[in-house]
């Protein structure tokens, strides 16, 4: 994979709650200079990021129910719709993994469906928080995401204390959703080797705050 090819599947992320407007604009510079395909920011920064990326070939992504997934379904749906009206081109929603672990598949299905329906034509990624789930729960989450029309399943928020993306989880998610649905690996991906391992396992999108370092390492090979 060339640096250009890798850059197009990166979701450069600036999601720390303490990030300032200057840090959001610094992220824009990284995205533009490296020709990165996607820029993931908190909802409050969507308008700023979208305006700053005018004319650039990059999509602004934002998060819903982040990072715990505990908002009510109607809140997640409304937040997604507002974000799209602000300029977001993709939505990464955290599913209610507490409900999933409680066995309430109907609630999880309904909330994903609510978000998907709230933003027609906009790709929705469902963040599973795989480090908090059993294998059977991960498989169930993948099935629910697929059945409700989500575009991707995503491993992690990157904020859970149990950890982020693993190669084993990416491989599991890819096997569960098949070849026609996206898999985004995110959480703790900081090196070129990390990114390459996730891609080899089946990820076709990489979420990382270390995009510049990853692409610089590939340029040196």
Protein backbone atom coordinates (compact mmCIF):
# COMPACT_ATOMS: atom_id res chain seq x y z
CA UNK A 1 0.00 0.00 0.00
CA UNK A 2 1.40 3.37 -1.01
CA UNK A 3 1.31 6.41 1.29
CA UNK A 4 -1.43 7.89 -0.88
CA UNK A 5 -3.54 4.73 -0.68
CA UNK A 6 -3.10 4.48 3.09
CA UNK A 7 -3.92 8.16 3.60
CA UNK A 8 -7.26 7.74 1.82
CA UNK A 9 -8.46 5.14 4.38
CA UNK A 10 -7.28 6.99 7.47
CA UNK A 11 -9.75 8.64 9.84
CA UNK A 12 -7.49 11.22 11.45
CA UNK A 13 -8.99 11.74 14.92
CA UNK A 14 -8.94 14.67 17.34
CA UNK A 15 -11.45 13.56 19.96
CA UNK A 16 -10.01 14.48 23.35
CA UNK A 17 -12.59 16.54 25.21
CA UNK A 18 -10.00 19.18 26.08
CA UNK A 19 -9.05 19.79 22.44
CA UNK A 20 -9.18 23.48 21.52
CA UNK A 21 -10.14 25.18 18.29
CA UNK A 22 -6.45 25.60 17.52
CA UNK A 23 -5.93 21.86 17.88
CA UNK A 24 -8.87 21.16 15.59
CA UNK A 25 -7.37 23.46 12.96
CA UNK A 26 -3.96 21.82 13.44
CA UNK A 27 -5.68 18.52 12.64
CA UNK A 28 -7.09 20.08 9.49
CA UNK A 29 -3.53 20.94 8.44
CA UNK A 30 -2.49 17.31 8.92
CA UNK A 31 -5.43 16.10 6.86
CA UNK A 32 -4.80 18.55 4.03
CA UNK A 33 -1.01 18.20 3.90
CA UNK A 34 -1.12 14.40 3.89
CA UNK A 35 -4.25 14.13 1.69
CA UNK A 36 -6.02 12.08 4.38
CA UNK A 37 -9.50 10.92 3.47
CA UNK A 38 -11.40 11.48 6.72
CA UNK A 39 -11.24 13.75 9.76
CA UNK A 40 -13.07 12.68 12.94
CA UNK A 41 -13.94 15.35 15.50
CA UNK A 42 -16.40 15.89 18.33
CA UNK A 43 -19.84 17.25 17.30
CA UNK A 44 -19.13 20.74 18.59
CA UNK A 45 -16.27 21.07 16.08
CA UNK A 46 -18.02 19.80 12.95
CA UNK A 47 -18.81 23.27 11.58
CA UNK A 48 -15.27 24.50 12.18
CA UNK A 49 -13.67 21.43 10.60
CA UNK A 50 -16.05 21.46 7.65
CA UNK A 51 -15.42 25.11 6.93
CA UNK A 52 -11.66 24.71 7.22
CA UNK A 53 -11.70 21.73 4.84
CA UNK A 54 -13.67 23.52 2.13
CA UNK A 55 -12.15 22.51 -1.19
CA UNK A 56 -10.21 19.60 0.30
CA UNK A 57 -10.95 16.02 -0.69
CA UNK A 58 -11.73 14.96 2.88
CA UNK A 59 -14.88 13.97 4.74
CA UNK A 60 -15.66 15.22 8.23
CA UNK A 61 -16.75 12.42 10.57
CA UNK A 62 -18.26 12.90 14.01
CA UNK A 63 -19.27 10.78 16.97
CA UNK A 64 -22.66 10.18 18.62
CA UNK A 65 -23.27 8.76 22.09
CA UNK A 66 -19.55 9.10 22.66
CA UNK A 67 -17.77 7.57 24.46
CA UNK A 68 -20.12 5.51 26.66
CA UNK A 69 -23.09 4.81 24.38
CA UNK A 70 -25.60 5.54 27.14
CA UNK A 71 -27.73 8.23 25.50
CA UNK A 72 -31.33 7.37 24.65
CA UNK A 73 -31.91 6.27 21.03
CA UNK A 74 -33.86 9.40 20.15
CA UNK A 75 -31.02 11.55 21.49
CA UNK A 76 -28.48 9.71 19.35
CA UNK A 77 -30.69 10.03 16.29
CA UNK A 78 -31.23 13.75 16.82
CA UNK A 79 -27.53 14.33 17.48
CA UNK A 80 -26.68 12.53 14.26
CA UNK A 81 -29.12 14.64 12.27
CA UNK A 82 -27.76 17.89 13.76
CA UNK A 83 -24.20 16.82 12.99
CA UNK A 84 -25.08 16.14 9.36
CA UNK A 85 -26.79 19.53 9.10
CA UNK A 86 -23.52 21.03 10.38
CA UNK A 87 -21.58 19.30 7.60
CA UNK A 88 -20.65 15.83 8.85
CA UNK A 89 -20.42 13.26 6.07
CA UNK A 90 -20.23 10.19 8.31
CA UNK A 91 -21.49 9.28 11.78
CA UNK A 92 -19.71 7.01 14.27
CA UNK A 93 -22.24 6.00 16.93
CA UNK A 94 -21.43 4.13 20.12
CA UNK A 95 -24.00 1.41 20.63
CA UNK A 96 -25.48 0.89 24.06
CA UNK A 97 -23.15 -1.93 24.99
CA UNK A 98 -24.61 -2.07 28.49
CA UNK A 99 -27.96 -2.94 26.89
CA UNK A 100 -26.22 -5.43 24.63
CA UNK A 101 -24.60 -7.11 27.63
CA UNK A 102 -28.00 -7.16 29.34
CA UNK A 103 -29.41 -9.17 26.46
CA UNK A 104 -31.63 -6.36 25.18
CA UNK A 105 -30.98 -6.90 21.48
CA UNK A 106 -34.24 -5.20 20.55
CA UNK A 107 -33.12 -1.91 22.09
CA UNK A 108 -29.73 -2.08 20.39
CA UNK A 109 -31.32 -2.88 17.04
CA UNK A 110 -33.81 -0.04 17.46
CA UNK A 111 -31.19 2.55 18.35
CA UNK A 112 -28.94 1.69 15.41
CA UNK A 113 -31.94 1.75 13.11
CA UNK A 114 -32.99 5.14 14.53
CA UNK A 115 -29.62 6.68 13.76
CA UNK A 116 -29.42 5.15 10.28
CA UNK A 117 -32.91 6.44 9.47
CA UNK A 118 -32.13 9.89 10.87
CA UNK A 119 -29.31 10.45 8.35
CA UNK A 120 -30.38 8.86 5.04
CA UNK A 121 -27.52 8.45 2.62
CA UNK A 122 -24.90 9.09 5.30
CA UNK A 123 -22.65 6.15 6.28
CA UNK A 124 -23.12 5.13 9.91
CA UNK A 125 -20.38 3.26 11.75
CA UNK A 126 -21.40 1.35 14.86
CA UNK A 127 -18.77 1.41 17.61
CA UNK A 128 -18.94 -1.85 19.54
CA UNK A 129 -16.30 -1.22 22.24
CA UNK A 130 -14.97 -4.73 21.68
CA UNK A 131 -12.74 -4.74 24.77
CA UNK A 132 -15.90 -4.69 26.91
CA UNK A 133 -17.69 -7.51 25.05
CA UNK A 134 -17.58 -11.29 24.91
CA UNK A 135 -17.15 -13.01 21.58
CA UNK A 136 -20.84 -13.86 21.37
CA UNK A 137 -21.75 -10.24 22.16
CA UNK A 138 -19.44 -9.01 19.41
CA UNK A 139 -21.05 -11.37 16.93
CA UNK A 140 -24.54 -10.28 17.97
CA UNK A 141 -23.57 -6.61 17.63
CA UNK A 142 -22.24 -7.25 14.14
CA UNK A 143 -25.48 -8.97 13.15
CA UNK A 144 -27.60 -6.11 14.50
CA UNK A 145 -25.48 -3.51 12.73
CA UNK A 146 -25.73 -5.40 9.47
CA UNK A 147 -29.48 -5.94 9.74
CA UNK A 148 -30.17 -2.25 10.36
CA UNK A 149 -28.20 -0.94 7.40
CA UNK A 150 -25.11 0.45 9.09
CA UNK A 151 -22.15 0.89 6.77
CA UNK A 152 -19.38 -0.16 9.18
CA UNK A 153 -18.70 -1.82 12.46
CA UNK A 154 -15.94 -0.17 14.46
CA UNK A 155 -13.87 -1.74 17.21
CA UNK A 156 -13.49 0.93 19.84
CA UNK A 157 -13.83 4.48 21.05
CA UNK A 158 -10.22 4.57 22.19
CA UNK A 159 -11.41 5.80 25.60
CA UNK A 160 -12.34 2.55 27.36
CA UNK A 161 -9.91 1.47 30.11
CA UNK A 162 -10.00 -2.15 28.94
CA UNK A 163 -8.23 -1.26 25.69
CA UNK A 164 -8.74 -0.54 22.01
CA UNK A 165 -8.47 -2.39 18.73
CA UNK A 166 -6.82 -5.79 18.45
CA UNK A 167 -5.95 -7.83 15.41
CA UNK A 168 -8.06 -10.70 16.74
CA UNK A 169 -11.12 -8.48 17.06
CA UNK A 170 -10.69 -7.00 13.59
CA UNK A 171 -10.41 -10.50 12.17
CA UNK A 172 -13.55 -11.54 14.06
CA UNK A 173 -15.55 -8.53 12.90
CA UNK A 174 -14.51 -9.03 9.28
CA UNK A 175 -15.54 -12.67 9.39
CA UNK A 176 -18.85 -11.73 11.02
CA UNK A 177 -19.91 -9.01 8.57
CA UNK A 178 -18.44 -10.49 5.40
CA UNK A 179 -16.79 -8.64 2.50
CA UNK A 180 -19.50 -6.09 1.75
CA UNK A 181 -19.56 -4.15 5.02
CA UNK A 182 -16.86 -1.88 6.38
CA UNK A 183 -14.66 -2.60 9.39
CA UNK A 184 -12.99 0.32 11.12
CA UNK A 185 -10.14 -0.39 13.50
CA UNK A 186 -9.69 2.34 16.08
CA UNK A 187 -8.16 2.72 19.52
CA UNK A 188 -4.45 2.50 20.24
CA UNK A 189 -3.27 2.44 16.62
CA UNK A 190 -0.15 4.57 16.75
CA UNK A 191 2.45 3.02 14.42
CA UNK A 192 2.70 1.92 10.81
CA UNK A 193 3.03 -1.68 12.00
CA UNK A 194 -0.21 -1.32 13.97
CA UNK A 195 -2.06 0.02 10.94
CA UNK A 196 -0.67 -2.62 8.59
CA UNK A 197 -1.62 -5.41 11.00
CA UNK A 198 -5.21 -4.14 11.21
CA UNK A 199 -5.49 -3.87 7.44
CA UNK A 200 -4.11 -7.38 7.01
CA UNK A 201 -6.74 -8.62 9.47
CA UNK A 202 -9.55 -7.10 7.41
CA UNK A 203 -9.93 -3.43 8.35
CA UNK A 204 -10.68 -1.06 5.50
CA UNK A 205 -10.66 2.07 7.64
CA UNK A 206 -8.15 3.08 10.32
CA UNK A 207 -8.99 5.55 13.07
CA UNK A 208 -5.94 7.14 14.63
CA UNK A 209 -4.60 10.35 16.12
CA UNK A 210 -1.12 9.41 14.85
CA UNK A 211 -1.80 9.74 11.12
CA UNK A 212 1.20 11.96 10.45
CA UNK A 213 3.67 9.61 12.12
CA UNK A 214 2.18 6.55 10.42
CA UNK A 215 2.38 8.09 6.95
CA UNK A 216 5.87 9.45 7.58
CA UNK A 217 7.05 5.95 8.51
CA UNK A 218 5.61 4.53 5.29
CA UNK A 219 7.38 7.23 3.25
CA UNK A 220 10.71 6.04 4.67
CA UNK A 221 10.31 2.45 3.49
